ModelCIF file with pLDDT and N, C-alpha, C, O atoms, coordinates in Angstrom:
data_MODEL
#
_entry.id   MODEL 
#
_entity.id                         1 
_entity.type                       polymer 
_entity.pdbx_number_of_molecules   1 
#
_entity_poly.entity_id                      1 
_entity_poly.type                           'polypeptide(L)' 
_entity_poly.nstd_linkage                   no 
_entity_poly.nstd_monomer                   no 
_entity_poly.pdbx_seq_one_letter_code       LRRKVAGLDFSYSDPSPNFDRRRVKGLVAQLFNLPESSSEAGTALE 
_entity_poly.pdbx_seq_one_letter_code_can   LRRKVAGLDFSYSDPSPNFDRRRVKGLVAQLFNLPESSSEAGTALE 
_entity_poly.pdbx_strand_id                 A 
#
loop_
_entity_poly_seq.entity_id 
_entity_poly_seq.num 
_entity_poly_seq.mon_id 
_entity_poly_seq.hetero 
1 1  LEU n 
1 2  ARG n 
1 3  ARG n 
1 4  LYS n 
1 5  VAL n 
1 6  ALA n 
1 7  GLY n 
1 8  LEU n 
1 9  ASP n 
1 10 PHE n 
1 11 SER n 
1 12 TYR n 
1 13 SER n 
1 14 ASP n 
1 15 PRO n 
1 16 SER n 
1 17 PRO n 
1 18 ASN n 
1 19 PHE n 
1 20 ASP n 
1 21 ARG n 
1 22 ARG n 
1 23 ARG n 
1 24 VAL n 
1 25 LYS n 
1 26 GLY n 
1 27 LEU n 
1 28 VAL n 
1 29 ALA n 
1 30 GLN n 
1 31 LEU n 
1 32 PHE n 
1 33 ASN n 
1 34 LEU n 
1 35 PRO n 
1 36 GLU n 
1 37 SER n 
1 38 SER n 
1 39 SER n 
1 40 GLU n 
1 41 ALA n 
1 42 GLY n 
1 43 THR n 
1 44 ALA n 
1 45 LEU n 
1 46 GLU n 
#
_struct_asym.id          A 
_struct_asym.entity_id   1 
#
loop_
_ma_qa_metric.id 
_ma_qa_metric.mode 
_ma_qa_metric.name 
_ma_qa_metric.software_group_id 
_ma_qa_metric.type 
1 global pLDDT . pLDDT 
2 local  pLDDT . pLDDT 
#
_ma_qa_metric_global.metric_id      1 
_ma_qa_metric_global.metric_value   86.96 
_ma_qa_metric_global.model_id       1 
_ma_qa_metric_global.ordinal_id     1 
#
loop_
_ma_qa_metric_local.label_asym_id 
_ma_qa_metric_local.label_comp_id 
_ma_qa_metric_local.label_seq_id 
_ma_qa_metric_local.metric_id 
_ma_qa_metric_local.metric_value 
_ma_qa_metric_local.model_id 
_ma_qa_metric_local.ordinal_id 
A LEU 1  2 84.00 1 1  
A ARG 2  2 80.00 1 2  
A ARG 3  2 80.00 1 3  
A LYS 4  2 76.00 1 4  
A VAL 5  2 74.00 1 5  
A ALA 6  2 71.00 1 6  
A GLY 7  2 73.00 1 7  
A LEU 8  2 78.00 1 8  
A ASP 9  2 79.00 1 9  
A PHE 10 2 82.00 1 10 
A SER 11 2 85.00 1 11 
A TYR 12 2 89.00 1 12 
A SER 13 2 90.00 1 13 
A ASP 14 2 91.00 1 14 
A PRO 15 2 89.00 1 15 
A SER 16 2 89.00 1 16 
A PRO 17 2 90.00 1 17 
A ASN 18 2 90.00 1 18 
A PHE 19 2 90.00 1 19 
A ASP 20 2 91.00 1 20 
A ARG 21 2 90.00 1 21 
A ARG 22 2 91.00 1 22 
A ARG 23 2 92.00 1 23 
A VAL 24 2 92.00 1 24 
A LYS 25 2 93.00 1 25 
A GLY 26 2 90.00 1 26 
A LEU 27 2 91.00 1 27 
A VAL 28 2 92.00 1 28 
A ALA 29 2 89.00 1 29 
A GLN 30 2 88.00 1 30 
A LEU 31 2 91.00 1 31 
A PHE 32 2 89.00 1 32 
A ASN 33 2 89.00 1 33 
A LEU 34 2 89.00 1 34 
A PRO 35 2 91.00 1 35 
A GLU 36 2 89.00 1 36 
A SER 37 2 90.00 1 37 
A SER 38 2 89.00 1 38 
A SER 39 2 86.00 1 39 
A GLU 40 2 88.00 1 40 
A ALA 41 2 88.00 1 41 
A GLY 42 2 88.00 1 42 
A THR 43 2 89.00 1 43 
A ALA 44 2 90.00 1 44 
A LEU 45 2 88.00 1 45 
A GLU 46 2 87.00 1 46 
#
loop_
_atom_site.group_PDB 
_atom_site.id 
_atom_site.type_symbol 
_atom_site.label_atom_id 
_atom_site.label_alt_id 
_atom_site.label_comp_id 
_atom_site.label_asym_id 
_atom_site.label_entity_id 
_atom_site.label_seq_id 
_atom_site.pdbx_PDB_ins_code 
_atom_site.Cartn_x 
_atom_site.Cartn_y 
_atom_site.Cartn_z 
_atom_site.occupancy 
_atom_site.B_iso_or_equiv 
_atom_site.pdbx_formal_charge 
_atom_site.auth_seq_id 
_atom_site.auth_comp_id 
_atom_site.auth_asym_id 
_atom_site.auth_atom_id 
_atom_site.pdbx_PDB_model_num 
ATOM 1   N N  . LEU A 1 1  ? -17.247 15.103 -18.355 1.00 84.00 ? 1  LEU A N  1 
ATOM 2   C CA . LEU A 1 1  ? -17.042 14.833 -16.912 1.00 84.00 ? 1  LEU A CA 1 
ATOM 3   C C  . LEU A 1 1  ? -15.281 16.084 -16.682 1.00 84.00 ? 1  LEU A C  1 
ATOM 4   O O  . LEU A 1 1  ? -14.795 15.916 -15.564 1.00 84.00 ? 1  LEU A O  1 
ATOM 5   N N  . ARG A 1 2  ? -14.697 16.849 -17.329 1.00 80.00 ? 2  ARG A N  1 
ATOM 6   C CA . ARG A 1 2  ? -13.737 17.477 -17.626 1.00 80.00 ? 2  ARG A CA 1 
ATOM 7   C C  . ARG A 1 2  ? -14.289 18.650 -16.590 1.00 80.00 ? 2  ARG A C  1 
ATOM 8   O O  . ARG A 1 2  ? -13.998 19.124 -15.492 1.00 80.00 ? 2  ARG A O  1 
ATOM 9   N N  . ARG A 1 3  ? -15.146 18.791 -17.507 1.00 80.00 ? 3  ARG A N  1 
ATOM 10  C CA . ARG A 1 3  ? -15.528 20.308 -16.264 1.00 80.00 ? 3  ARG A CA 1 
ATOM 11  C C  . ARG A 1 3  ? -15.979 20.046 -15.243 1.00 80.00 ? 3  ARG A C  1 
ATOM 12  O O  . ARG A 1 3  ? -15.878 20.924 -14.386 1.00 80.00 ? 3  ARG A O  1 
ATOM 13  N N  . LYS A 1 4  ? -17.078 17.984 -14.632 1.00 76.00 ? 4  LYS A N  1 
ATOM 14  C CA . LYS A 1 4  ? -17.322 18.151 -13.485 1.00 76.00 ? 4  LYS A CA 1 
ATOM 15  C C  . LYS A 1 4  ? -15.714 18.608 -12.495 1.00 76.00 ? 4  LYS A C  1 
ATOM 16  O O  . LYS A 1 4  ? -15.511 19.722 -12.011 1.00 76.00 ? 4  LYS A O  1 
ATOM 17  N N  . VAL A 1 5  ? -15.002 17.715 -12.431 1.00 74.00 ? 5  VAL A N  1 
ATOM 18  C CA . VAL A 1 5  ? -13.968 17.862 -11.823 1.00 74.00 ? 5  VAL A CA 1 
ATOM 19  C C  . VAL A 1 5  ? -12.731 18.656 -12.567 1.00 74.00 ? 5  VAL A C  1 
ATOM 20  O O  . VAL A 1 5  ? -11.594 18.229 -12.766 1.00 74.00 ? 5  VAL A O  1 
ATOM 21  N N  . ALA A 1 6  ? -13.460 20.332 -13.029 1.00 71.00 ? 6  ALA A N  1 
ATOM 22  C CA . ALA A 1 6  ? -12.250 20.973 -13.395 1.00 71.00 ? 6  ALA A CA 1 
ATOM 23  C C  . ALA A 1 6  ? -10.972 21.323 -12.417 1.00 71.00 ? 6  ALA A C  1 
ATOM 24  O O  . ALA A 1 6  ? -9.752  21.410 -12.551 1.00 71.00 ? 6  ALA A O  1 
ATOM 25  N N  . GLY A 1 7  ? -11.640 21.429 -11.682 1.00 73.00 ? 7  GLY A N  1 
ATOM 26  C CA . GLY A 1 7  ? -10.117 21.861 -10.008 1.00 73.00 ? 7  GLY A CA 1 
ATOM 27  C C  . GLY A 1 7  ? -8.712  20.628 -9.970  1.00 73.00 ? 7  GLY A C  1 
ATOM 28  O O  . GLY A 1 7  ? -7.654  20.413 -9.377  1.00 73.00 ? 7  GLY A O  1 
ATOM 29  N N  . LEU A 1 8  ? -9.497  20.125 -10.935 1.00 78.00 ? 8  LEU A N  1 
ATOM 30  C CA . LEU A 1 8  ? -8.237  18.418 -11.281 1.00 78.00 ? 8  LEU A CA 1 
ATOM 31  C C  . LEU A 1 8  ? -6.872  18.491 -12.528 1.00 78.00 ? 8  LEU A C  1 
ATOM 32  O O  . LEU A 1 8  ? -5.802  17.927 -12.761 1.00 78.00 ? 8  LEU A O  1 
ATOM 33  N N  . ASP A 1 9  ? -7.556  19.344 -12.971 1.00 79.00 ? 9  ASP A N  1 
ATOM 34  C CA . ASP A 1 9  ? -6.781  19.786 -14.447 1.00 79.00 ? 9  ASP A CA 1 
ATOM 35  C C  . ASP A 1 9  ? -5.589  20.704 -14.492 1.00 79.00 ? 9  ASP A C  1 
ATOM 36  O O  . ASP A 1 9  ? -5.705  21.905 -14.736 1.00 79.00 ? 9  ASP A O  1 
ATOM 37  N N  . PHE A 1 10 ? -4.202  19.988 -14.202 1.00 82.00 ? 10 PHE A N  1 
ATOM 38  C CA . PHE A 1 10 ? -3.225  21.052 -14.227 1.00 82.00 ? 10 PHE A CA 1 
ATOM 39  C C  . PHE A 1 10 ? -2.636  20.748 -14.150 1.00 82.00 ? 10 PHE A C  1 
ATOM 40  O O  . PHE A 1 10 ? -2.338  19.856 -13.356 1.00 82.00 ? 10 PHE A O  1 
ATOM 41  N N  . SER A 1 11 ? -1.509  21.670 -15.541 1.00 85.00 ? 11 SER A N  1 
ATOM 42  C CA . SER A 1 11 ? -1.239  21.647 -16.616 1.00 85.00 ? 11 SER A CA 1 
ATOM 43  C C  . SER A 1 11 ? 0.377   22.550 -16.624 1.00 85.00 ? 11 SER A C  1 
ATOM 44  O O  . SER A 1 11 ? 0.878   21.534 -17.105 1.00 85.00 ? 11 SER A O  1 
ATOM 45  N N  . TYR A 1 12 ? 1.048   23.092 -16.567 1.00 89.00 ? 12 TYR A N  1 
ATOM 46  C CA . TYR A 1 12 ? 2.715   23.957 -16.544 1.00 89.00 ? 12 TYR A CA 1 
ATOM 47  C C  . TYR A 1 12 ? 2.983   23.508 -18.160 1.00 89.00 ? 12 TYR A C  1 
ATOM 48  O O  . TYR A 1 12 ? 2.641   22.596 -18.913 1.00 89.00 ? 12 TYR A O  1 
ATOM 49  N N  . SER A 1 13 ? 3.884   24.840 -18.213 1.00 90.00 ? 13 SER A N  1 
ATOM 50  C CA . SER A 1 13 ? 5.253   24.724 -19.398 1.00 90.00 ? 13 SER A CA 1 
ATOM 51  C C  . SER A 1 13 ? 6.691   24.774 -18.359 1.00 90.00 ? 13 SER A C  1 
ATOM 52  O O  . SER A 1 13 ? 7.265   25.373 -17.449 1.00 90.00 ? 13 SER A O  1 
ATOM 53  N N  . ASP A 1 14 ? 6.732   23.588 -19.343 1.00 91.00 ? 14 ASP A N  1 
ATOM 54  C CA . ASP A 1 14 ? 8.619   23.926 -18.439 1.00 91.00 ? 14 ASP A CA 1 
ATOM 55  C C  . ASP A 1 14 ? 9.244   24.222 -18.335 1.00 91.00 ? 14 ASP A C  1 
ATOM 56  O O  . ASP A 1 14 ? 9.914   24.156 -19.366 1.00 91.00 ? 14 ASP A O  1 
ATOM 57  N N  . PRO A 1 15 ? 9.948   24.893 -17.212 1.00 89.00 ? 15 PRO A N  1 
ATOM 58  C CA . PRO A 1 15 ? 10.429  26.380 -16.640 1.00 89.00 ? 15 PRO A CA 1 
ATOM 59  C C  . PRO A 1 15 ? 11.660  26.366 -17.328 1.00 89.00 ? 15 PRO A C  1 
ATOM 60  O O  . PRO A 1 15 ? 12.351  27.340 -17.628 1.00 89.00 ? 15 PRO A O  1 
ATOM 61  N N  . SER A 1 16 ? 11.921  24.887 -17.604 1.00 89.00 ? 16 SER A N  1 
ATOM 62  C CA . SER A 1 16 ? 13.604  25.294 -17.957 1.00 89.00 ? 16 SER A CA 1 
ATOM 63  C C  . SER A 1 16 ? 13.717  24.066 -18.747 1.00 89.00 ? 16 SER A C  1 
ATOM 64  O O  . SER A 1 16 ? 13.105  23.025 -18.504 1.00 89.00 ? 16 SER A O  1 
ATOM 65  N N  . PRO A 1 17 ? 14.834  24.324 -20.053 1.00 90.00 ? 17 PRO A N  1 
ATOM 66  C CA . PRO A 1 17 ? 15.467  23.899 -20.264 1.00 90.00 ? 17 PRO A CA 1 
ATOM 67  C C  . PRO A 1 17 ? 15.405  21.851 -19.854 1.00 90.00 ? 17 PRO A C  1 
ATOM 68  O O  . PRO A 1 17 ? 15.907  21.595 -18.760 1.00 90.00 ? 17 PRO A O  1 
ATOM 69  N N  . ASN A 1 18 ? 14.999  20.917 -20.442 1.00 90.00 ? 18 ASN A N  1 
ATOM 70  C CA . ASN A 1 18 ? 15.386  19.170 -20.081 1.00 90.00 ? 18 ASN A CA 1 
ATOM 71  C C  . ASN A 1 18 ? 14.889  19.398 -18.213 1.00 90.00 ? 18 ASN A C  1 
ATOM 72  O O  . ASN A 1 18 ? 15.444  18.953 -17.208 1.00 90.00 ? 18 ASN A O  1 
ATOM 73  N N  . PHE A 1 19 ? 13.827  20.137 -18.332 1.00 90.00 ? 19 PHE A N  1 
ATOM 74  C CA . PHE A 1 19 ? 13.390  19.757 -16.945 1.00 90.00 ? 19 PHE A CA 1 
ATOM 75  C C  . PHE A 1 19 ? 12.327  18.952 -17.076 1.00 90.00 ? 19 PHE A C  1 
ATOM 76  O O  . PHE A 1 19 ? 11.480  18.806 -17.956 1.00 90.00 ? 19 PHE A O  1 
ATOM 77  N N  . ASP A 1 20 ? 12.757  17.916 -14.886 1.00 91.00 ? 20 ASP A N  1 
ATOM 78  C CA . ASP A 1 20 ? 12.708  16.465 -15.113 1.00 91.00 ? 20 ASP A CA 1 
ATOM 79  C C  . ASP A 1 20 ? 10.940  16.707 -14.811 1.00 91.00 ? 20 ASP A C  1 
ATOM 80  O O  . ASP A 1 20 ? 10.774  16.809 -13.596 1.00 91.00 ? 20 ASP A O  1 
ATOM 81  N N  . ARG A 1 21 ? 9.862   16.800 -15.439 1.00 90.00 ? 21 ARG A N  1 
ATOM 82  C CA . ARG A 1 21 ? 8.638   16.746 -14.990 1.00 90.00 ? 21 ARG A CA 1 
ATOM 83  C C  . ARG A 1 21 ? 8.328   15.486 -13.977 1.00 90.00 ? 21 ARG A C  1 
ATOM 84  O O  . ARG A 1 21 ? 7.137   15.200 -13.862 1.00 90.00 ? 21 ARG A O  1 
ATOM 85  N N  . ARG A 1 22 ? 9.219   14.751 -13.276 1.00 91.00 ? 22 ARG A N  1 
ATOM 86  C CA . ARG A 1 22 ? 9.216   13.462 -11.858 1.00 91.00 ? 22 ARG A CA 1 
ATOM 87  C C  . ARG A 1 22 ? 9.119   14.423 -11.380 1.00 91.00 ? 22 ARG A C  1 
ATOM 88  O O  . ARG A 1 22 ? 7.915   14.666 -11.301 1.00 91.00 ? 22 ARG A O  1 
ATOM 89  N N  . ARG A 1 23 ? 10.017  15.642 -10.736 1.00 92.00 ? 23 ARG A N  1 
ATOM 90  C CA . ARG A 1 23 ? 9.880   16.355 -10.359 1.00 92.00 ? 23 ARG A CA 1 
ATOM 91  C C  . ARG A 1 23 ? 8.511   16.702 -9.544  1.00 92.00 ? 23 ARG A C  1 
ATOM 92  O O  . ARG A 1 23 ? 8.394   16.535 -8.330  1.00 92.00 ? 23 ARG A O  1 
ATOM 93  N N  . VAL A 1 24 ? 7.357   17.282 -10.520 1.00 92.00 ? 24 VAL A N  1 
ATOM 94  C CA . VAL A 1 24 ? 6.382   17.961 -10.467 1.00 92.00 ? 24 VAL A CA 1 
ATOM 95  C C  . VAL A 1 24 ? 5.156   16.762 -10.043 1.00 92.00 ? 24 VAL A C  1 
ATOM 96  O O  . VAL A 1 24 ? 4.601   16.139 -10.949 1.00 92.00 ? 24 VAL A O  1 
ATOM 97  N N  . LYS A 1 25 ? 4.804   16.516 -8.591  1.00 93.00 ? 25 LYS A N  1 
ATOM 98  C CA . LYS A 1 25 ? 3.815   14.885 -8.205  1.00 93.00 ? 25 LYS A CA 1 
ATOM 99  C C  . LYS A 1 25 ? 2.829   14.982 -9.616  1.00 93.00 ? 25 LYS A C  1 
ATOM 100 O O  . LYS A 1 25 ? 2.521   14.298 -10.593 1.00 93.00 ? 25 LYS A O  1 
ATOM 101 N N  . GLY A 1 26 ? 2.591   16.183 -9.073  1.00 90.00 ? 26 GLY A N  1 
ATOM 102 C CA . GLY A 1 26 ? 0.698   16.594 -9.646  1.00 90.00 ? 26 GLY A CA 1 
ATOM 103 C C  . GLY A 1 26 ? -0.208  17.190 -7.770  1.00 90.00 ? 26 GLY A C  1 
ATOM 104 O O  . GLY A 1 26 ? 0.396   17.544 -6.757  1.00 90.00 ? 26 GLY A O  1 
ATOM 105 N N  . LEU A 1 27 ? -2.433  17.027 -8.064  1.00 91.00 ? 27 LEU A N  1 
ATOM 106 C CA . LEU A 1 27 ? -2.267  17.145 -7.224  1.00 91.00 ? 27 LEU A CA 1 
ATOM 107 C C  . LEU A 1 27 ? -1.896  15.972 -5.719  1.00 91.00 ? 27 LEU A C  1 
ATOM 108 O O  . LEU A 1 27 ? -1.161  14.988 -5.635  1.00 91.00 ? 27 LEU A O  1 
ATOM 109 N N  . VAL A 1 28 ? -2.940  16.769 -4.548  1.00 92.00 ? 28 VAL A N  1 
ATOM 110 C CA . VAL A 1 28 ? -3.099  15.728 -3.745  1.00 92.00 ? 28 VAL A CA 1 
ATOM 111 C C  . VAL A 1 28 ? -4.141  14.244 -4.091  1.00 92.00 ? 28 VAL A C  1 
ATOM 112 O O  . VAL A 1 28 ? -3.979  13.024 -4.106  1.00 92.00 ? 28 VAL A O  1 
ATOM 113 N N  . ALA A 1 29 ? -5.148  15.130 -4.318  1.00 89.00 ? 29 ALA A N  1 
ATOM 114 C CA . ALA A 1 29 ? -6.069  14.376 -4.957  1.00 89.00 ? 29 ALA A CA 1 
ATOM 115 C C  . ALA A 1 29 ? -5.980  13.127 -5.898  1.00 89.00 ? 29 ALA A C  1 
ATOM 116 O O  . ALA A 1 29 ? -6.583  12.054 -5.920  1.00 89.00 ? 29 ALA A O  1 
ATOM 117 N N  . GLN A 1 30 ? -5.244  13.543 -6.472  1.00 88.00 ? 30 GLN A N  1 
ATOM 118 C CA . GLN A 1 30 ? -4.403  12.735 -7.190  1.00 88.00 ? 30 GLN A CA 1 
ATOM 119 C C  . GLN A 1 30 ? -2.945  11.994 -7.091  1.00 88.00 ? 30 GLN A C  1 
ATOM 120 O O  . GLN A 1 30 ? -2.032  11.726 -7.872  1.00 88.00 ? 30 GLN A O  1 
ATOM 121 N N  . LEU A 1 31 ? -3.208  11.824 -5.803  1.00 91.00 ? 31 LEU A N  1 
ATOM 122 C CA . LEU A 1 31 ? -1.669  10.720 -5.460  1.00 91.00 ? 31 LEU A CA 1 
ATOM 123 C C  . LEU A 1 31 ? -2.008  10.257 -4.306  1.00 91.00 ? 31 LEU A C  1 
ATOM 124 O O  . LEU A 1 31 ? -1.301  10.440 -3.315  1.00 91.00 ? 31 LEU A O  1 
ATOM 125 N N  . PHE A 1 32 ? -3.556  9.346  -4.265  1.00 89.00 ? 32 PHE A N  1 
ATOM 126 C CA . PHE A 1 32 ? -3.369  8.252  -2.674  1.00 89.00 ? 32 PHE A CA 1 
ATOM 127 C C  . PHE A 1 32 ? -5.080  7.702  -3.805  1.00 89.00 ? 32 PHE A C  1 
ATOM 128 O O  . PHE A 1 32 ? -5.953  8.234  -4.491  1.00 89.00 ? 32 PHE A O  1 
ATOM 129 N N  . ASN A 1 33 ? -4.707  6.503  -3.381  1.00 89.00 ? 33 ASN A N  1 
ATOM 130 C CA . ASN A 1 33 ? -7.152  5.883  -3.591  1.00 89.00 ? 33 ASN A CA 1 
ATOM 131 C C  . ASN A 1 33 ? -7.511  5.397  -2.960  1.00 89.00 ? 33 ASN A C  1 
ATOM 132 O O  . ASN A 1 33 ? -6.848  4.580  -2.321  1.00 89.00 ? 33 ASN A O  1 
ATOM 133 N N  . LEU A 1 34 ? -8.838  5.623  -2.753  1.00 89.00 ? 34 LEU A N  1 
ATOM 134 C CA . LEU A 1 34 ? -9.855  5.758  -1.642  1.00 89.00 ? 34 LEU A CA 1 
ATOM 135 C C  . LEU A 1 34 ? -10.336 3.815  -1.755  1.00 89.00 ? 34 LEU A C  1 
ATOM 136 O O  . LEU A 1 34 ? -11.321 3.323  -2.307  1.00 89.00 ? 34 LEU A O  1 
ATOM 137 N N  . PRO A 1 35 ? -9.501  3.297  -1.202  1.00 91.00 ? 35 PRO A N  1 
ATOM 138 C CA . PRO A 1 35 ? -10.848 1.361  -1.348  1.00 91.00 ? 35 PRO A CA 1 
ATOM 139 C C  . PRO A 1 35 ? -11.781 1.136  -1.402  1.00 91.00 ? 35 PRO A C  1 
ATOM 140 O O  . PRO A 1 35 ? -12.555 0.759  -0.521  1.00 91.00 ? 35 PRO A O  1 
ATOM 141 N N  . GLU A 1 36 ? -11.930 1.318  -2.469  1.00 89.00 ? 36 GLU A N  1 
ATOM 142 C CA . GLU A 1 36 ? -13.734 1.614  -2.472  1.00 89.00 ? 36 GLU A CA 1 
ATOM 143 C C  . GLU A 1 36 ? -15.170 0.422  -1.718  1.00 89.00 ? 36 GLU A C  1 
ATOM 144 O O  . GLU A 1 36 ? -16.368 0.388  -1.997  1.00 89.00 ? 36 GLU A O  1 
ATOM 145 N N  . SER A 1 37 ? -14.580 -0.183 -0.994  1.00 90.00 ? 37 SER A N  1 
ATOM 146 C CA . SER A 1 37 ? -14.414 -0.211 0.166   1.00 90.00 ? 37 SER A CA 1 
ATOM 147 C C  . SER A 1 37 ? -14.855 0.480  2.312   1.00 90.00 ? 37 SER A C  1 
ATOM 148 O O  . SER A 1 37 ? -15.501 0.261  3.337   1.00 90.00 ? 37 SER A O  1 
ATOM 149 N N  . SER A 1 38 ? -14.073 1.162  1.784   1.00 89.00 ? 38 SER A N  1 
ATOM 150 C CA . SER A 1 38 ? -13.909 3.049  2.741   1.00 89.00 ? 38 SER A CA 1 
ATOM 151 C C  . SER A 1 38 ? -14.623 3.993  1.658   1.00 89.00 ? 38 SER A C  1 
ATOM 152 O O  . SER A 1 38 ? -14.352 5.161  1.934   1.00 89.00 ? 38 SER A O  1 
ATOM 153 N N  . SER A 1 39 ? -15.783 3.857  0.042   1.00 86.00 ? 39 SER A N  1 
ATOM 154 C CA . SER A 1 39 ? -15.828 4.558  -0.311  1.00 86.00 ? 39 SER A CA 1 
ATOM 155 C C  . SER A 1 39 ? -17.021 5.631  0.371   1.00 86.00 ? 39 SER A C  1 
ATOM 156 O O  . SER A 1 39 ? -17.448 6.574  -0.296  1.00 86.00 ? 39 SER A O  1 
ATOM 157 N N  . GLU A 1 40 ? -17.532 5.341  1.882   1.00 88.00 ? 40 GLU A N  1 
ATOM 158 C CA . GLU A 1 40 ? -19.180 5.980  2.120   1.00 88.00 ? 40 GLU A CA 1 
ATOM 159 C C  . GLU A 1 40 ? -17.871 7.537  3.308   1.00 88.00 ? 40 GLU A C  1 
ATOM 160 O O  . GLU A 1 40 ? -18.167 8.671  3.684   1.00 88.00 ? 40 GLU A O  1 
ATOM 161 N N  . ALA A 1 41 ? -16.341 6.594  3.497   1.00 88.00 ? 41 ALA A N  1 
ATOM 162 C CA . ALA A 1 41 ? -15.762 8.117  3.847   1.00 88.00 ? 41 ALA A CA 1 
ATOM 163 C C  . ALA A 1 41 ? -15.331 8.989  3.115   1.00 88.00 ? 41 ALA A C  1 
ATOM 164 O O  . ALA A 1 41 ? -14.520 9.836  3.490   1.00 88.00 ? 41 ALA A O  1 
ATOM 165 N N  . GLY A 1 42 ? -15.845 8.907  1.876   1.00 88.00 ? 42 GLY A N  1 
ATOM 166 C CA . GLY A 1 42 ? -15.028 10.013 0.412   1.00 88.00 ? 42 GLY A CA 1 
ATOM 167 C C  . GLY A 1 42 ? -15.715 11.300 1.076   1.00 88.00 ? 42 GLY A C  1 
ATOM 168 O O  . GLY A 1 42 ? -14.852 12.097 1.444   1.00 88.00 ? 42 GLY A O  1 
ATOM 169 N N  . THR A 1 43 ? -16.604 11.592 1.251   1.00 89.00 ? 43 THR A N  1 
ATOM 170 C CA . THR A 1 43 ? -17.520 12.722 1.764   1.00 89.00 ? 43 THR A CA 1 
ATOM 171 C C  . THR A 1 43 ? -16.423 13.690 2.924   1.00 89.00 ? 43 THR A C  1 
ATOM 172 O O  . THR A 1 43 ? -15.789 14.726 2.721   1.00 89.00 ? 43 THR A O  1 
ATOM 173 N N  . ALA A 1 44 ? -16.570 12.718 4.318   1.00 90.00 ? 44 ALA A N  1 
ATOM 174 C CA . ALA A 1 44 ? -15.783 12.677 5.238   1.00 90.00 ? 44 ALA A CA 1 
ATOM 175 C C  . ALA A 1 44 ? -14.935 13.791 4.726   1.00 90.00 ? 44 ALA A C  1 
ATOM 176 O O  . ALA A 1 44 ? -15.034 15.008 4.886   1.00 90.00 ? 44 ALA A O  1 
ATOM 177 N N  . LEU A 1 45 ? -13.642 12.693 3.734   1.00 88.00 ? 45 LEU A N  1 
ATOM 178 C CA . LEU A 1 45 ? -12.373 13.281 3.793   1.00 88.00 ? 45 LEU A CA 1 
ATOM 179 C C  . LEU A 1 45 ? -12.771 14.385 3.121   1.00 88.00 ? 45 LEU A C  1 
ATOM 180 O O  . LEU A 1 45 ? -12.470 15.378 3.784   1.00 88.00 ? 45 LEU A O  1 
ATOM 181 N N  . GLU A 1 46 ? -13.385 14.704 1.966   1.00 87.00 ? 46 GLU A N  1 
ATOM 182 C CA . GLU A 1 46 ? -13.407 15.654 0.704   1.00 87.00 ? 46 GLU A CA 1 
ATOM 183 C C  . GLU A 1 46 ? -13.718 16.761 2.392   1.00 87.00 ? 46 GLU A C  1 
ATOM 184 O O  . GLU A 1 46 ? -13.884 17.978 2.310   1.00 87.00 ? 46 GLU A O  1 
#
């Protein structure tokens, strides 16, 4: 499954001591949810 979604595998090292990881929000695709009732719109969104 990880190979299928390799594009979502984002990792990094702390660029400075005591770095607040909350400053990095993540990938756009991980920051919203598509309701199951609107799943047919997934292809158009992609």
